[in-house]
């Protein structure tokens, strides 16, 4: 089970799970999935992975600044997400409400993953 403690592997397994859920929902309930779901999915994956990876890297460099690192990650994630939504709406997204709801559902799934990773790292930090 030491292998599953690797952040990269957990992120990959979680992303494959979300990918499977999106494919199933797209197959059976296509009307609740935005036509831009794959753009959203790739953006959220790249954003979440890069923010989490850099947060872990910064934490290894400076463990005493853990709270500031997590707050910086949240700010970067929110600003990048709002910028992405603004650009997609400006480009002329067809159904804006469906697009934004799909975006925030995926965003919240990856945010929950980040929170879970954060909580699982609290025990080693407290020692």
C-alpha atoms as a PDB file:
ATOM      1  CA  UNK A   1       0.000   0.000   0.000  1.00  0.00           C
ATOM      2  CA  UNK A   2       3.028   2.254   0.065  1.00  0.00           C
ATOM      3  CA  UNK A   3       2.612   2.727  -3.689  1.00  0.00           C
ATOM      4  CA  UNK A   4      -0.883   4.204  -3.286  1.00  0.00           C
ATOM      5  CA  UNK A   5       0.522   6.881  -0.968  1.00  0.00           C
ATOM      6  CA  UNK A   6       2.207   8.409  -4.006  1.00  0.00           C
ATOM      7  CA  UNK A   7       0.440  11.655  -4.937  1.00  0.00           C
ATOM      8  CA  UNK A   8       0.856  11.125  -8.680  1.00  0.00           C
ATOM      9  CA  UNK A   9      -0.726   7.668  -8.594  1.00  0.00           C
ATOM     10  CA  UNK A  10      -3.637   8.822  -6.422  1.00  0.00           C
ATOM     11  CA  UNK A  11      -4.239  11.753  -8.756  1.00  0.00           C
ATOM     12  CA  UNK A  12      -4.188   9.456 -11.789  1.00  0.00           C
ATOM     13  CA  UNK A  13      -6.635   6.980 -10.215  1.00  0.00           C
ATOM     14  CA  UNK A  14      -8.949   9.794  -9.137  1.00  0.00           C
ATOM     15  CA  UNK A  15      -8.824  11.385 -12.605  1.00  0.00           C
ATOM     16  CA  UNK A  16      -9.637   8.062 -14.258  1.00  0.00           C
ATOM     17  CA  UNK A  17     -12.585   7.649 -11.888  1.00  0.00           C
ATOM     18  CA  UNK A  18     -13.906  11.117 -12.768  1.00  0.00           C
ATOM     19  CA  UNK A  19     -13.310  10.395 -16.470  1.00  0.00           C
ATOM     20  CA  UNK A  20     -15.408   7.230 -16.160  1.00  0.00           C
ATOM     21  CA  UNK A  21     -18.192   9.127 -14.406  1.00  0.00           C
ATOM     22  CA  UNK A  22     -18.223  11.790 -17.135  1.00  0.00           C
ATOM     23  CA  UNK A  23     -18.359   9.156 -19.872  1.00  0.00           C
ATOM     24  CA  UNK A  24     -21.225   7.314 -18.167  1.00  0.00           C
ATOM     25  CA  UNK A  25     -23.183  10.527 -17.617  1.00  0.00           C
ATOM     26  CA  UNK A  26     -22.540  11.631 -21.181  1.00  0.00           C
ATOM     27  CA  UNK A  27     -23.806   8.288 -22.467  1.00  0.00           C
ATOM     28  CA  UNK A  28     -26.997   8.112 -20.398  1.00  0.00           C
ATOM     29  CA  UNK A  29     -27.770  11.732 -19.474  1.00  0.00           C
ATOM     30  CA  UNK A  30     -26.268  13.704 -22.343  1.00  0.00           C
ATOM     31  CA  UNK A  31     -28.553  16.682 -21.817  1.00  0.00           C
ATOM     32  CA  UNK A  32     -26.889  17.557 -18.481  1.00  0.00           C
ATOM     33  CA  UNK A  33     -23.365  17.528 -19.925  1.00  0.00           C
ATOM     34  CA  UNK A  34     -21.988  20.609 -21.661  1.00  0.00           C
ATOM     35  CA  UNK A  35     -20.570  20.216 -25.177  1.00  0.00           C
ATOM     36  CA  UNK A  36     -17.360  21.753 -23.783  1.00  0.00           C
ATOM     37  CA  UNK A  37     -16.966  19.124 -21.056  1.00  0.00           C
ATOM     38  CA  UNK A  38     -13.621  17.883 -22.380  1.00  0.00           C
ATOM     39  CA  UNK A  39     -12.160  21.386 -22.443  1.00  0.00           C
ATOM     40  CA  UNK A  40     -13.345  21.852 -18.875  1.00  0.00           C
ATOM     41  CA  UNK A  41     -12.030  18.437 -17.846  1.00  0.00           C
ATOM     42  CA  UNK A  42      -8.553  19.007 -19.294  1.00  0.00           C
ATOM     43  CA  UNK A  43      -8.327  22.486 -17.792  1.00  0.00           C
ATOM     44  CA  UNK A  44      -9.353  21.303 -14.324  1.00  0.00           C
ATOM     45  CA  UNK A  45      -6.934  18.359 -14.460  1.00  0.00           C
ATOM     46  CA  UNK A  46      -3.999  20.523 -15.523  1.00  0.00           C
ATOM     47  CA  UNK A  47      -4.839  23.235 -13.006  1.00  0.00           C
ATOM     48  CA  UNK A  48      -5.359  20.865 -10.083  1.00  0.00           C
ATOM     49  CA  UNK A  49      -2.290  18.784 -10.810  1.00  0.00           C
ATOM     50  CA  UNK A  50       0.011  21.767 -11.274  1.00  0.00           C
ATOM     51  CA  UNK A  51      -1.240  23.605  -8.181  1.00  0.00           C
ATOM     52  CA  UNK A  52      -1.016  20.470  -6.030  1.00  0.00           C
ATOM     53  CA  UNK A  53       2.382  19.498  -7.431  1.00  0.00           C
ATOM     54  CA  UNK A  54       3.867  22.935  -6.790  1.00  0.00           C
ATOM     55  CA  UNK A  55       2.286  23.046  -3.327  1.00  0.00           C
ATOM     56  CA  UNK A  56       3.939  19.721  -2.447  1.00  0.00           C
ATOM     57  CA  UNK A  57       7.233  20.911  -3.915  1.00  0.00           C
ATOM     58  CA  UNK A  58       7.093  24.181  -1.940  1.00  0.00           C
ATOM     59  CA  UNK A  59       6.137  22.283   1.205  1.00  0.00           C
ATOM     60  CA  UNK A  60       9.225  20.076   0.878  1.00  0.00           C
ATOM     61  CA  UNK A  61      11.360  23.204   0.494  1.00  0.00           C
ATOM     62  CA  UNK A  62       9.764  25.083   3.394  1.00  0.00           C
ATOM     63  CA  UNK A  63       7.529  23.000   5.707  1.00  0.00           C
ATOM     64  CA  UNK A  64       7.016  25.854   8.167  1.00  0.00           C
ATOM     65  CA  UNK A  65       5.048  27.827   5.535  1.00  0.00           C
ATOM     66  CA  UNK A  66       2.445  25.128   4.931  1.00  0.00           C
ATOM     67  CA  UNK A  67      -0.593  27.353   5.548  1.00  0.00           C
ATOM     68  CA  UNK A  68       0.662  30.112   3.261  1.00  0.00           C
ATOM     69  CA  UNK A  69       1.396  27.550   0.543  1.00  0.00           C
ATOM     70  CA  UNK A  70      -2.139  26.127   0.722  1.00  0.00           C
ATOM     71  CA  UNK A  71      -3.686  29.608   0.687  1.00  0.00           C
ATOM     72  CA  UNK A  72      -1.567  30.578  -2.330  1.00  0.00           C
ATOM     73  CA  UNK A  73      -2.740  27.423  -4.092  1.00  0.00           C
ATOM     74  CA  UNK A  74      -6.379  28.282  -3.410  1.00  0.00           C
ATOM     75  CA  UNK A  75      -5.965  31.843  -4.695  1.00  0.00           C
ATOM     76  CA  UNK A  76      -4.213  30.666  -7.872  1.00  0.00           C
ATOM     77  CA  UNK A  77      -6.898  28.024  -8.442  1.00  0.00           C
ATOM     78  CA  UNK A  78      -9.784  30.497  -8.018  1.00  0.00           C
ATOM     79  CA  UNK A  79      -8.222  33.202 -10.201  1.00  0.00           C
ATOM     80  CA  UNK A  80      -7.320  30.754 -12.956  1.00  0.00           C
ATOM     81  CA  UNK A  81     -10.815  29.256 -12.860  1.00  0.00           C
ATOM     82  CA  UNK A  82     -12.548  32.608 -13.068  1.00  0.00           C
ATOM     83  CA  UNK A  83     -10.273  33.615 -15.937  1.00  0.00           C
ATOM     84  CA  UNK A  84     -11.060  30.364 -17.777  1.00  0.00           C
ATOM     85  CA  UNK A  85     -14.809  30.871 -17.330  1.00  0.00           C
ATOM     86  CA  UNK A  86     -14.561  34.479 -18.524  1.00  0.00           C
ATOM     87  CA  UNK A  87     -12.586  33.473 -21.630  1.00  0.00           C
ATOM     88  CA  UNK A  88     -15.003  30.658 -22.505  1.00  0.00           C
ATOM     89  CA  UNK A  89     -18.038  32.903 -22.060  1.00  0.00           C
ATOM     90  CA  UNK A  90     -16.376  35.660 -24.108  1.00  0.00           C
ATOM     91  CA  UNK A  91     -15.687  33.136 -26.898  1.00  0.00           C
ATOM     92  CA  UNK A  92     -19.426  32.503 -27.090  1.00  0.00           C
ATOM     93  CA  UNK A  93     -20.293  29.400 -25.109  1.00  0.00           C
ATOM     94  CA  UNK A  94     -23.778  28.202 -26.098  1.00  0.00           C
ATOM     95  CA  UNK A  95     -25.382  27.285 -22.784  1.00  0.00           C
ATOM     96  CA  UNK A  96     -23.586  29.321 -20.134  1.00  0.00           C
ATOM     97  CA  UNK A  97     -25.517  27.960 -17.144  1.00  0.00           C
ATOM     98  CA  UNK A  98     -24.816  24.348 -18.153  1.00  0.00           C
ATOM     99  CA  UNK A  99     -21.157  25.181 -18.815  1.00  0.00           C
ATOM    100  CA  UNK A 100     -20.683  26.878 -15.433  1.00  0.00           C
ATOM    101  CA  UNK A 101     -22.505  24.136 -13.542  1.00  0.00           C
ATOM    102  CA  UNK A 102     -20.394  21.420 -15.217  1.00  0.00           C
ATOM    103  CA  UNK A 103     -17.262  23.421 -14.515  1.00  0.00           C
ATOM    104  CA  UNK A 104     -17.990  23.869 -10.830  1.00  0.00           C
ATOM    105  CA  UNK A 105     -18.988  20.233 -10.359  1.00  0.00           C
ATOM    106  CA  UNK A 106     -15.628  19.109 -11.740  1.00  0.00           C
ATOM    107  CA  UNK A 107     -13.854  21.895  -9.857  1.00  0.00           C
ATOM    108  CA  UNK A 108     -15.450  20.806  -6.579  1.00  0.00           C
ATOM    109  CA  UNK A 109     -14.540  17.146  -7.129  1.00  0.00           C
ATOM    110  CA  UNK A 110     -10.892  18.098  -7.529  1.00  0.00           C
ATOM    111  CA  UNK A 111     -11.120  20.495  -4.604  1.00  0.00           C
ATOM    112  CA  UNK A 112     -12.414  17.626  -2.450  1.00  0.00           C
ATOM    113  CA  UNK A 113      -9.455  15.540  -3.621  1.00  0.00           C
ATOM    114  CA  UNK A 114      -7.100  18.360  -2.623  1.00  0.00           C
ATOM    115  CA  UNK A 115      -8.751  18.667   0.798  1.00  0.00           C
ATOM    116  CA  UNK A 116      -8.505  14.909   1.288  1.00  0.00           C
ATOM    117  CA  UNK A 117      -4.811  15.029   0.391  1.00  0.00           C
ATOM    118  CA  UNK A 118      -4.359  17.935   2.799  1.00  0.00           C
ATOM    119  CA  UNK A 119      -6.080  16.074   5.653  1.00  0.00           C
ATOM    120  CA  UNK A 120      -4.100  12.904   5.017  1.00  0.00           C
ATOM    121  CA  UNK A 121      -0.878  14.942   5.293  1.00  0.00           C
ATOM    122  CA  UNK A 122      -1.824  16.517   8.630  1.00  0.00           C
ATOM    123  CA  UNK A 123      -0.719  13.528  10.688  1.00  0.00           C
ATOM    124  CA  UNK A 124       2.892  13.520   9.415  1.00  0.00           C
ATOM    125  CA  UNK A 125       3.051  17.295   9.819  1.00  0.00           C
ATOM    126  CA  UNK A 126       1.972  17.164  13.476  1.00  0.00           C
ATOM    127  CA  UNK A 127       4.899  14.884  14.447  1.00  0.00           C
END
